[in-house]
Amino acid sequence: MHRDGKPKGFFYLDHRTVDGKYNIITDVYVTPGNINDVDPYIERLDVQIKKFNFKTKYVGADAGYSTNNICKEIFKRELKAVMGYRRSPHVKGKFTKFRFQYVKEQDIYYCPDLRVLEYRTTNRDGYKEYACKTEYCSQCSKKENCLSDKSKRKVVYRHVWEDYKDEVIKFTKTDKGKCLYKRRKETIERSFADSKNLHGLRYCRMRGIKKVSEQCLLTAAVQNMKKIARVLSHLFFAYLDSLIAYYCKNQIASFLCYRIIKLGYDKTLCSA
């Protein structure tokens, strides 16, 4: 595996999915470290929706999943996605693609100097090319921050499916999208952190993808048991509190009875 900010070597990747409400792990899928994160994403999403009959409305992922193909497939499934900001490759000190404004109605780009970049052609990789006129670029005061040493005019590339990514970015910037994206650090990031720090998943204990998958599945099962037990206990005490309030007709008495019963229940669990 060769990734920026990651150790180089032979690794396995644990592709994990959790639900947004209780942070219960719904899917674990292990691949070799040389597999891109985006490759199994749509397949695992379809498997879970079909297996558990999920009524999924929103999906969230980090910037590594923000690709044109992923956004297109999510849009086809009538889902809303929130994803992190993914910076395009660029040279330090040069304008990035995001400094150029795209006008969908006219299918053109405007450069920072407000010159028009018109559509030229579409290459075999599915990228449309937009180019500015050479005479404009040669006289531009910002060409040092825009053009490379060998270029005489600016060319911007846009994928034919990039409209789907624009919709994802647009939704992520809404209040609902920001709220959903904040849940990532409380759900999937927390789930992986617990696996590594509390359940020994920082290192593989066995060799081979089959045995590593067993380790990841067992770790997920233990985490889910703890999550489900905690959720059920909260539901039980919420029901108990409402029941006491109904019979006592007194909020203070209800609170005291609730705390006394809960204290006794906690001591019973500790002694057990």
C-alpha atoms as a PDB file:
ATOM      1  CA  MET A   1       0.000   0.000   0.000  1.00  0.00           C
ATOM      2  CA  HIS A   2       1.349   3.422  -0.999  1.00  0.00           C
ATOM      3  CA  ARG A   3      -0.647   6.378   0.335  1.00  0.00           C
ATOM      4  CA  ASP A   4       0.256   9.848   1.503  1.00  0.00           C
ATOM      5  CA  GLY A   5       0.553   9.986   5.273  1.00  0.00           C
ATOM      6  CA  LYS A   6       0.276   6.193   5.609  1.00  0.00           C
ATOM      7  CA  PRO A   7       3.010   3.614   6.264  1.00  0.00           C
ATOM      8  CA  LYS A   8       4.185   1.666   3.237  1.00  0.00           C
ATOM      9  CA  GLY A   9       3.968  -2.105   3.330  1.00  0.00           C
ATOM     10  CA  PHE A  10       1.622  -5.066   3.056  1.00  0.00           C
ATOM     11  CA  PHE A  11      -1.751  -4.355   4.645  1.00  0.00           C
ATOM     12  CA  TYR A  12      -5.428  -5.230   4.545  1.00  0.00           C
ATOM     13  CA  LEU A  13      -8.248  -2.696   4.351  1.00  0.00           C
ATOM     14  CA  ASP A  14     -11.400  -2.985   6.452  1.00  0.00           C
ATOM     15  CA  HIS A  15     -14.269  -1.350   4.546  1.00  0.00           C
ATOM     16  CA  ARG A  16     -16.858  -0.722   7.242  1.00  0.00           C
ATOM     17  CA  THR A  17     -20.368   0.714   7.224  1.00  0.00           C
ATOM     18  CA  VAL A  18     -22.309   1.945  10.275  1.00  0.00           C
ATOM     19  CA  ASP A  19     -25.811   3.318  10.736  1.00  0.00           C
ATOM     20  CA  GLY A  20     -26.143   7.002  11.478  1.00  0.00           C
ATOM     21  CA  LYS A  21     -28.404   6.726  14.528  1.00  0.00           C
ATOM     22  CA  TYR A  22     -26.860   4.177  16.898  1.00  0.00           C
ATOM     23  CA  ASN A  23     -23.456   3.635  15.219  1.00  0.00           C
ATOM     24  CA  ILE A  24     -24.108  -0.098  14.840  1.00  0.00           C
ATOM     25  CA  ILE A  25     -21.823  -1.785  12.312  1.00  0.00           C
ATOM     26  CA  THR A  26     -23.903  -3.049   9.393  1.00  0.00           C
ATOM     27  CA  ASP A  27     -21.182  -4.327   7.066  1.00  0.00           C
ATOM     28  CA  VAL A  28     -17.542  -5.440   7.185  1.00  0.00           C
ATOM     29  CA  TYR A  29     -15.634  -6.165   3.990  1.00  0.00           C
ATOM     30  CA  VAL A  30     -11.888  -6.836   3.901  1.00  0.00           C
ATOM     31  CA  THR A  31      -9.706  -6.336   0.819  1.00  0.00           C
ATOM     32  CA  PRO A  32      -5.954  -6.264   0.151  1.00  0.00           C
ATOM     33  CA  GLY A  33      -4.252  -2.921   0.681  1.00  0.00           C
ATOM     34  CA  ASN A  34      -3.725  -2.289  -3.034  1.00  0.00           C
ATOM     35  CA  ILE A  35      -7.491  -2.054  -3.666  1.00  0.00           C
ATOM     36  CA  ASN A  36      -8.862   1.469  -3.962  1.00  0.00           C
ATOM     37  CA  ASP A  37     -11.476   2.439  -1.377  1.00  0.00           C
ATOM     38  CA  VAL A  38     -14.007   3.396  -4.047  1.00  0.00           C
ATOM     39  CA  ASP A  39     -13.984   0.011  -5.821  1.00  0.00           C
ATOM     40  CA  PRO A  40     -16.229  -1.979  -3.415  1.00  0.00           C
ATOM     41  CA  TYR A  41     -18.298   1.010  -2.193  1.00  0.00           C
ATOM     42  CA  ILE A  42     -21.368   0.797  -4.442  1.00  0.00           C
ATOM     43  CA  GLU A  43     -21.438  -3.003  -4.340  1.00  0.00           C
ATOM     44  CA  ARG A  44     -21.418  -3.073  -0.516  1.00  0.00           C
ATOM     45  CA  LEU A  45     -24.078  -0.370  -0.411  1.00  0.00           C
ATOM     46  CA  ASP A  46     -26.371  -2.441  -2.647  1.00  0.00           C
ATOM     47  CA  VAL A  47     -25.703  -5.604  -0.630  1.00  0.00           C
ATOM     48  CA  GLN A  48     -26.786  -3.959   2.630  1.00  0.00           C
ATOM     49  CA  ILE A  49     -29.898  -2.312   1.198  1.00  0.00           C
ATOM     50  CA  LYS A  50     -31.000  -5.626  -0.307  1.00  0.00           C
ATOM     51  CA  LYS A  51     -30.062  -7.830   2.673  1.00  0.00           C
ATOM     52  CA  PHE A  52     -31.528  -5.680   5.453  1.00  0.00           C
ATOM     53  CA  ASN A  53     -34.202  -3.877   3.416  1.00  0.00           C
ATOM     54  CA  PHE A  54     -32.844  -0.520   4.557  1.00  0.00           C
ATOM     55  CA  LYS A  55     -34.857   2.593   3.714  1.00  0.00           C
ATOM     56  CA  THR A  56     -31.715   4.591   3.088  1.00  0.00           C
ATOM     57  CA  LYS A  57     -32.002   8.328   2.438  1.00  0.00           C
ATOM     58  CA  TYR A  58     -28.509   9.680   3.090  1.00  0.00           C
ATOM     59  CA  VAL A  59     -24.976   8.323   2.833  1.00  0.00           C
ATOM     60  CA  GLY A  60     -21.772   9.894   4.128  1.00  0.00           C
ATOM     61  CA  ALA A  61     -18.142   9.294   3.254  1.00  0.00           C
ATOM     62  CA  ASP A  62     -14.766  10.981   3.460  1.00  0.00           C
ATOM     63  CA  ALA A  63     -13.026  12.823   0.645  1.00  0.00           C
ATOM     64  CA  GLY A  64     -11.461   9.638  -0.730  1.00  0.00           C
ATOM     65  CA  TYR A  65     -14.860   8.516  -2.027  1.00  0.00           C
ATOM     66  CA  SER A  66     -15.637  11.795  -3.791  1.00  0.00           C
ATOM     67  CA  THR A  67     -15.321  10.566  -7.372  1.00  0.00           C
ATOM     68  CA  ASN A  68     -17.517  11.192 -10.388  1.00  0.00           C
ATOM     69  CA  ASN A  69     -18.535   7.547 -10.697  1.00  0.00           C
ATOM     70  CA  ILE A  70     -19.507   7.205  -7.018  1.00  0.00           C
ATOM     71  CA  CYS A  71     -21.583  10.395  -7.145  1.00  0.00           C
ATOM     72  CA  LYS A  72     -23.310   9.210 -10.321  1.00  0.00           C
ATOM     73  CA  GLU A  73     -24.203   5.791  -8.877  1.00  0.00           C
ATOM     74  CA  ILE A  74     -25.525   7.367  -5.664  1.00  0.00           C
ATOM     75  CA  PHE A  75     -27.661   9.767  -7.697  1.00  0.00           C
ATOM     76  CA  LYS A  76     -29.073   6.843  -9.727  1.00  0.00           C
ATOM     77  CA  ARG A  77     -30.226   5.240  -6.463  1.00  0.00           C
ATOM     78  CA  GLU A  78     -32.043   8.457  -5.490  1.00  0.00           C
ATOM     79  CA  LEU A  79     -29.877   8.980  -2.401  1.00  0.00           C
ATOM     80  CA  LYS A  80     -28.386  12.138  -0.928  1.00  0.00           C
ATOM     81  CA  ALA A  81     -24.651  12.076  -0.238  1.00  0.00           C
ATOM     82  CA  VAL A  82     -22.334  14.160   1.938  1.00  0.00           C
ATOM     83  CA  MET A  83     -18.617  13.895   1.248  1.00  0.00           C
ATOM     84  CA  GLY A  84     -15.447  15.665   2.241  1.00  0.00           C
ATOM     85  CA  TYR A  85     -13.673  18.221   0.103  1.00  0.00           C
ATOM     86  CA  ARG A  86     -11.134  16.647  -2.224  1.00  0.00           C
ATOM     87  CA  ARG A  87      -8.380  18.921  -3.488  1.00  0.00           C
ATOM     88  CA  SER A  88      -7.335  18.375  -7.069  1.00  0.00           C
ATOM     89  CA  PRO A  89      -3.635  17.831  -7.848  1.00  0.00           C
ATOM     90  CA  HIS A  90      -1.905  21.145  -8.490  1.00  0.00           C
ATOM     91  CA  VAL A  91       1.430  22.905  -8.412  1.00  0.00           C
ATOM     92  CA  LYS A  92       2.070  25.160  -5.428  1.00  0.00           C
ATOM     93  CA  GLY A  93       1.485  28.800  -6.320  1.00  0.00           C
ATOM     94  CA  LYS A  94      -0.674  27.970  -9.352  1.00  0.00           C
ATOM     95  CA  PHE A  95      -4.425  28.449  -9.685  1.00  0.00           C
ATOM     96  CA  THR A  96      -6.449  25.303  -9.069  1.00  0.00           C
ATOM     97  CA  LYS A  97      -9.444  24.283 -11.124  1.00  0.00           C
ATOM     98  CA  PHE A  98     -11.806  25.628  -8.461  1.00  0.00           C
ATOM     99  CA  ARG A  99     -10.643  29.177  -9.240  1.00  0.00           C
ATOM    100  CA  PHE A 100     -12.394  28.821 -12.596  1.00  0.00           C
ATOM    101  CA  GLN A 101     -16.169  29.306 -12.555  1.00  0.00           C
ATOM    102  CA  TYR A 102     -18.321  26.958 -14.624  1.00  0.00           C
ATOM    103  CA  VAL A 103     -21.548  28.221 -16.218  1.00  0.00           C
ATOM    104  CA  LYS A 104     -23.723  25.200 -16.919  1.00  0.00           C
ATOM    105  CA  GLU A 105     -26.265  26.974 -19.136  1.00  0.00           C
ATOM    106  CA  GLN A 106     -23.584  28.138 -21.586  1.00  0.00           C
ATOM    107  CA  ASP A 107     -21.175  25.224 -21.032  1.00  0.00           C
ATOM    108  CA  ILE A 108     -18.196  27.532 -20.550  1.00  0.00           C
ATOM    109  CA  TYR A 109     -15.646  28.423 -17.867  1.00  0.00           C
ATOM    110  CA  TYR A 110     -14.590  31.850 -16.653  1.00  0.00           C
ATOM    111  CA  CYS A 111     -10.993  32.302 -15.531  1.00  0.00           C
ATOM    112  CA  PRO A 112      -9.974  34.553 -12.570  1.00  0.00           C
ATOM    113  CA  ASP A 113      -9.393  37.346 -15.125  1.00  0.00           C
ATOM    114  CA  LEU A 114     -12.988  36.835 -16.406  1.00  0.00           C
ATOM    115  CA  ARG A 115     -11.889  35.466 -19.771  1.00  0.00           C
ATOM    116  CA  VAL A 116     -13.968  32.729 -21.392  1.00  0.00           C
ATOM    117  CA  LEU A 117     -12.739  29.159 -21.759  1.00  0.00           C
ATOM    118  CA  GLU A 118     -14.780  27.515 -24.509  1.00  0.00           C
ATOM    119  CA  TYR A 119     -15.464  23.829 -25.070  1.00  0.00           C
ATOM    120  CA  ARG A 120     -13.103  22.163 -27.537  1.00  0.00           C
ATOM    121  CA  THR A 121     -13.482  18.384 -27.451  1.00  0.00           C
ATOM    122  CA  THR A 122     -14.034  15.313 -25.262  1.00  0.00           C
ATOM    123  CA  ASN A 123     -11.153  12.874 -24.903  1.00  0.00           C
ATOM    124  CA  ARG A 124     -11.405   9.098 -24.698  1.00  0.00           C
ATOM    125  CA  ASP A 125     -11.295   9.162 -20.877  1.00  0.00           C
ATOM    126  CA  GLY A 126     -14.564  11.106 -20.724  1.00  0.00           C
ATOM    127  CA  TYR A 127     -13.078  14.525 -19.932  1.00  0.00           C
ATOM    128  CA  LYS A 128     -14.269  17.632 -21.753  1.00  0.00           C
ATOM    129  CA  GLU A 129     -11.591  20.188 -22.578  1.00  0.00           C
ATOM    130  CA  TYR A 130     -12.172  23.921 -22.190  1.00  0.00           C
ATOM    131  CA  ALA A 131      -9.487  26.267 -23.525  1.00  0.00           C
ATOM    132  CA  CYS A 132      -8.870  29.996 -23.513  1.00  0.00           C
ATOM    133  CA  LYS A 133      -7.570  31.853 -26.559  1.00  0.00           C
ATOM    134  CA  THR A 134      -3.797  32.117 -26.801  1.00  0.00           C
ATOM    135  CA  GLU A 135      -3.795  35.885 -27.332  1.00  0.00           C
ATOM    136  CA  TYR A 136      -5.706  36.405 -24.076  1.00  0.00           C
ATOM    137  CA  CYS A 137      -3.374  34.205 -22.026  1.00  0.00           C
ATOM    138  CA  SER A 138      -0.207  35.761 -23.489  1.00  0.00           C
ATOM    139  CA  GLN A 139      -1.295  39.254 -22.376  1.00  0.00           C
ATOM    140  CA  CYS A 140      -2.831  38.246 -19.026  1.00  0.00           C
ATOM    141  CA  SER A 141      -1.300  39.743 -15.881  1.00  0.00           C
ATOM    142  CA  LYS A 142      -2.013  36.536 -13.933  1.00  0.00           C
ATOM    143  CA  LYS A 143      -0.417  34.072 -16.331  1.00  0.00           C
ATOM    144  CA  GLU A 144       2.467  33.341 -13.951  1.00  0.00           C
ATOM    145  CA  ASN A 145      -0.040  31.923 -11.454  1.00  0.00           C
ATOM    146  CA  CYS A 146      -2.074  30.158 -14.113  1.00  0.00           C
ATOM    147  CA  LEU A 147       0.118  28.702 -16.855  1.00  0.00           C
ATOM    148  CA  SER A 148       2.990  26.262 -16.651  1.00  0.00           C
ATOM    149  CA  ASP A 149       6.348  27.095 -18.192  1.00  0.00           C
ATOM    150  CA  LYS A 150       5.567  25.234 -21.419  1.00  0.00           C
ATOM    151  CA  SER A 151       1.881  26.169 -21.806  1.00  0.00           C
ATOM    152  CA  LYS A 152       0.729  29.039 -23.985  1.00  0.00           C
ATOM    153  CA  ARG A 153      -2.931  28.917 -22.997  1.00  0.00           C
ATOM    154  CA  LYS A 154      -5.021  27.580 -20.153  1.00  0.00           C
ATOM    155  CA  VAL A 155      -6.937  24.310 -20.550  1.00  0.00           C
ATOM    156  CA  VAL A 156      -9.449  23.084 -17.944  1.00  0.00           C
ATOM    157  CA  TYR A 157     -10.781  19.519 -17.905  1.00  0.00           C
ATOM    158  CA  ARG A 158     -14.264  18.553 -16.769  1.00  0.00           C
ATOM    159  CA  HIS A 159     -15.607  15.000 -16.614  1.00  0.00           C
ATOM    160  CA  VAL A 160     -18.907  14.256 -18.343  1.00  0.00           C
ATOM    161  CA  TRP A 161     -20.289  13.027 -14.971  1.00  0.00           C
ATOM    162  CA  GLU A 162     -19.024  15.969 -12.944  1.00  0.00           C
ATOM    163  CA  ASP A 163     -22.531  17.436 -12.663  1.00  0.00           C
ATOM    164  CA  TYR A 164     -23.316  14.655 -10.181  1.00  0.00           C
ATOM    165  CA  LYS A 165     -20.333  15.636  -8.041  1.00  0.00           C
ATOM    166  CA  ASP A 166     -21.475  19.263  -8.133  1.00  0.00           C
ATOM    167  CA  GLU A 167     -24.844  18.178  -6.721  1.00  0.00           C
ATOM    168  CA  VAL A 168     -23.093  16.330  -3.882  1.00  0.00           C
ATOM    169  CA  ILE A 169     -20.940  19.369  -3.076  1.00  0.00           C
ATOM    170  CA  LYS A 170     -24.005  21.609  -3.187  1.00  0.00           C
ATOM    171  CA  PHE A 171     -25.931  19.397  -0.740  1.00  0.00           C
ATOM    172  CA  THR A 172     -22.920  19.039   1.569  1.00  0.00           C
ATOM    173  CA  LYS A 173     -22.814  22.830   1.960  1.00  0.00           C
ATOM    174  CA  THR A 174     -26.445  23.021   3.116  1.00  0.00           C
ATOM    175  CA  ASP A 175     -27.373  23.054   6.819  1.00  0.00           C
ATOM    176  CA  LYS A 176     -28.635  19.479   6.569  1.00  0.00           C
ATOM    177  CA  GLY A 177     -25.473  18.363   4.796  1.00  0.00           C
ATOM    178  CA  LYS A 178     -23.206  20.025   7.362  1.00  0.00           C
ATOM    179  CA  CYS A 179     -25.135  18.370  10.187  1.00  0.00           C
ATOM    180  CA  LEU A 180     -24.818  14.950   8.549  1.00  0.00           C
ATOM    181  CA  TYR A 181     -21.124  15.373   7.818  1.00  0.00           C
ATOM    182  CA  LYS A 182     -20.410  16.268  11.440  1.00  0.00           C
ATOM    183  CA  ARG A 183     -21.816  12.873  12.415  1.00  0.00           C
ATOM    184  CA  ARG A 184     -18.896  11.134  10.675  1.00  0.00           C
ATOM    185  CA  LYS A 185     -16.478  11.799  13.513  1.00  0.00           C
ATOM    186  CA  GLU A 186     -19.077  10.526  15.995  1.00  0.00           C
ATOM    187  CA  THR A 187     -19.955   7.357  14.077  1.00  0.00           C
ATOM    188  CA  ILE A 188     -17.571   5.706  11.622  1.00  0.00           C
ATOM    189  CA  GLU A 189     -14.426   7.456  12.882  1.00  0.00           C
ATOM    190  CA  ARG A 190     -15.348   6.579  16.471  1.00  0.00           C
ATOM    191  CA  SER A 191     -16.068   3.001  15.447  1.00  0.00           C
ATOM    192  CA  PHE A 192     -12.626   2.530  13.898  1.00  0.00           C
ATOM    193  CA  ALA A 193     -10.943   4.236  16.853  1.00  0.00           C
ATOM    194  CA  ASP A 194     -12.650   1.866  19.310  1.00  0.00           C
ATOM    195  CA  SER A 195     -11.639  -1.125  17.189  1.00  0.00           C
ATOM    196  CA  LYS A 196      -7.982  -0.122  17.229  1.00  0.00           C
ATOM    197  CA  ASN A 197      -7.626   1.164  20.776  1.00  0.00           C
ATOM    198  CA  LEU A 198     -10.041  -1.079  22.696  1.00  0.00           C
ATOM    199  CA  HIS A 199     -10.358  -4.268  20.650  1.00  0.00           C
ATOM    200  CA  GLY A 200      -6.898  -4.946  19.217  1.00  0.00           C
ATOM    201  CA  LEU A 201      -7.648  -4.306  15.553  1.00  0.00           C
ATOM    202  CA  ARG A 202      -4.566  -2.158  15.046  1.00  0.00           C
ATOM    203  CA  TYR A 203      -2.665  -5.269  13.959  1.00  0.00           C
ATOM    204  CA  CYS A 204      -3.621  -8.485  12.181  1.00  0.00           C
ATOM    205  CA  ARG A 205      -3.450 -11.478  14.514  1.00  0.00           C
ATOM    206  CA  MET A 206      -3.541 -14.044  11.703  1.00  0.00           C
ATOM    207  CA  ARG A 207      -2.423 -14.374   8.098  1.00  0.00           C
ATOM    208  CA  GLY A 208      -4.539 -14.546   4.984  1.00  0.00           C
ATOM    209  CA  ILE A 209      -7.535 -12.492   3.933  1.00  0.00           C
ATOM    210  CA  LYS A 210     -10.009 -15.122   5.168  1.00  0.00           C
ATOM    211  CA  LYS A 211      -8.611 -15.186   8.707  1.00  0.00           C
ATOM    212  CA  VAL A 212      -8.226 -11.408   8.807  1.00  0.00           C
ATOM    213  CA  SER A 213     -11.883 -11.136   7.777  1.00  0.00           C
ATOM    214  CA  GLU A 214     -12.769 -13.378  10.721  1.00  0.00           C
ATOM    215  CA  GLN A 215     -10.874 -11.075  13.078  1.00  0.00           C
ATOM    216  CA  CYS A 216     -12.639  -7.989  11.694  1.00  0.00           C
ATOM    217  CA  LEU A 217     -16.059  -9.657  11.883  1.00  0.00           C
ATOM    218  CA  LEU A 218     -15.520 -10.825  15.478  1.00  0.00           C
ATOM    219  CA  THR A 219     -14.375  -7.345  16.473  1.00  0.00           C
ATOM    220  CA  ALA A 220     -17.452  -5.820  14.857  1.00  0.00           C
ATOM    221  CA  ALA A 221     -19.704  -8.359  16.605  1.00  0.00           C
ATOM    222  CA  VAL A 222     -18.266  -7.439  20.026  1.00  0.00           C
ATOM    223  CA  GLN A 223     -18.698  -3.736  19.340  1.00  0.00           C
ATOM    224  CA  ASN A 224     -22.284  -4.280  18.216  1.00  0.00           C
ATOM    225  CA  MET A 225     -23.108  -6.262  21.365  1.00  0.00           C
ATOM    226  CA  LYS A 226     -21.956  -3.357  23.503  1.00  0.00           C
ATOM    227  CA  LYS A 227     -23.852  -0.822  21.385  1.00  0.00           C
ATOM    228  CA  ILE A 228     -27.084  -2.829  21.372  1.00  0.00           C
ATOM    229  CA  ALA A 229     -26.905  -3.465  25.134  1.00  0.00           C
ATOM    230  CA  ARG A 230     -26.434   0.246  25.771  1.00  0.00           C
ATOM    231  CA  VAL A 231     -29.341   1.201  23.506  1.00  0.00           C
ATOM    232  CA  LEU A 232     -31.663  -1.350  25.123  1.00  0.00           C
ATOM    233  CA  SER A 233     -30.725  -0.162  28.616  1.00  0.00           C
ATOM    234  CA  HIS A 234     -31.508   3.433  27.667  1.00  0.00           C
ATOM    235  CA  LEU A 235     -34.853   2.381  26.231  1.00  0.00           C
ATOM    236  CA  PHE A 236     -35.630   0.376  29.365  1.00  0.00           C
ATOM    237  CA  PHE A 237     -34.919   3.255  31.741  1.00  0.00           C
ATOM    238  CA  ALA A 238     -36.807   5.694  29.531  1.00  0.00           C
ATOM    239  CA  TYR A 239     -39.827   3.394  29.668  1.00  0.00           C
ATOM    240  CA  LEU A 240     -39.366   2.926  33.426  1.00  0.00           C
ATOM    241  CA  ASP A 241     -39.198   6.668  33.965  1.00  0.00           C
ATOM    242  CA  SER A 242     -42.407   7.270  32.031  1.00  0.00           C
ATOM    243  CA  LEU A 243     -44.129   4.445  33.907  1.00  0.00           C
ATOM    244  CA  ILE A 244     -43.173   5.847  37.325  1.00  0.00           C
ATOM    245  CA  ALA A 245     -44.206   9.342  36.250  1.00  0.00           C
ATOM    246  CA  TYR A 246     -47.586   8.015  35.176  1.00  0.00           C
ATOM    247  CA  TYR A 247     -48.290   6.375  38.534  1.00  0.00           C
ATOM    248  CA  CYS A 248     -46.655   8.886  40.836  1.00  0.00           C
ATOM    249  CA  LYS A 249     -48.003  11.991  39.077  1.00  0.00           C
ATOM    250  CA  ASN A 250     -45.032  13.802  40.538  1.00  0.00           C
ATOM    251  CA  GLN A 251     -41.857  14.664  38.632  1.00  0.00           C
ATOM    252  CA  ILE A 252     -39.681  14.855  41.771  1.00  0.00           C
ATOM    253  CA  ALA A 253     -40.867  11.505  43.093  1.00  0.00           C
ATOM    254  CA  SER A 254     -40.429  10.027  39.637  1.00  0.00           C
ATOM    255  CA  PHE A 255     -36.848  11.231  39.419  1.00  0.00           C
ATOM    256  CA  LEU A 256     -35.952   9.934  42.895  1.00  0.00           C
ATOM    257  CA  CYS A 257     -37.511   6.524  42.264  1.00  0.00           C
ATOM    258  CA  TYR A 258     -35.764   6.336  38.928  1.00  0.00           C
ATOM    259  CA  ARG A 259     -32.348   7.109  40.423  1.00  0.00           C
ATOM    260  CA  ILE A 260     -32.830   4.615  43.268  1.00  0.00           C
ATOM    261  CA  ILE A 261     -33.849   1.810  40.911  1.00  0.00           C
ATOM    262  CA  LYS A 262     -31.059   2.652  38.450  1.00  0.00           C
ATOM    263  CA  LEU A 263     -28.471   2.688  41.248  1.00  0.00           C
ATOM    264  CA  GLY A 264     -29.590  -0.742  42.371  1.00  0.00           C
ATOM    265  CA  TYR A 265     -29.548  -2.013  38.804  1.00  0.00           C
ATOM    266  CA  ASP A 266     -26.017  -0.685  38.204  1.00  0.00           C
ATOM    267  CA  LYS A 267     -24.749  -2.303  41.424  1.00  0.00           C
ATOM    268  CA  THR A 268     -26.291  -5.596  40.344  1.00  0.00           C
ATOM    269  CA  LEU A 269     -24.453  -5.385  37.012  1.00  0.00           C
ATOM    270  CA  CYS A 270     -21.163  -4.534  38.744  1.00  0.00           C
ATOM    271  CA  SER A 271     -21.452  -7.436  41.179  1.00  0.00           C
ATOM    272  CA  ALA A 272     -22.335  -9.794  38.350  1.00  0.00           C
END
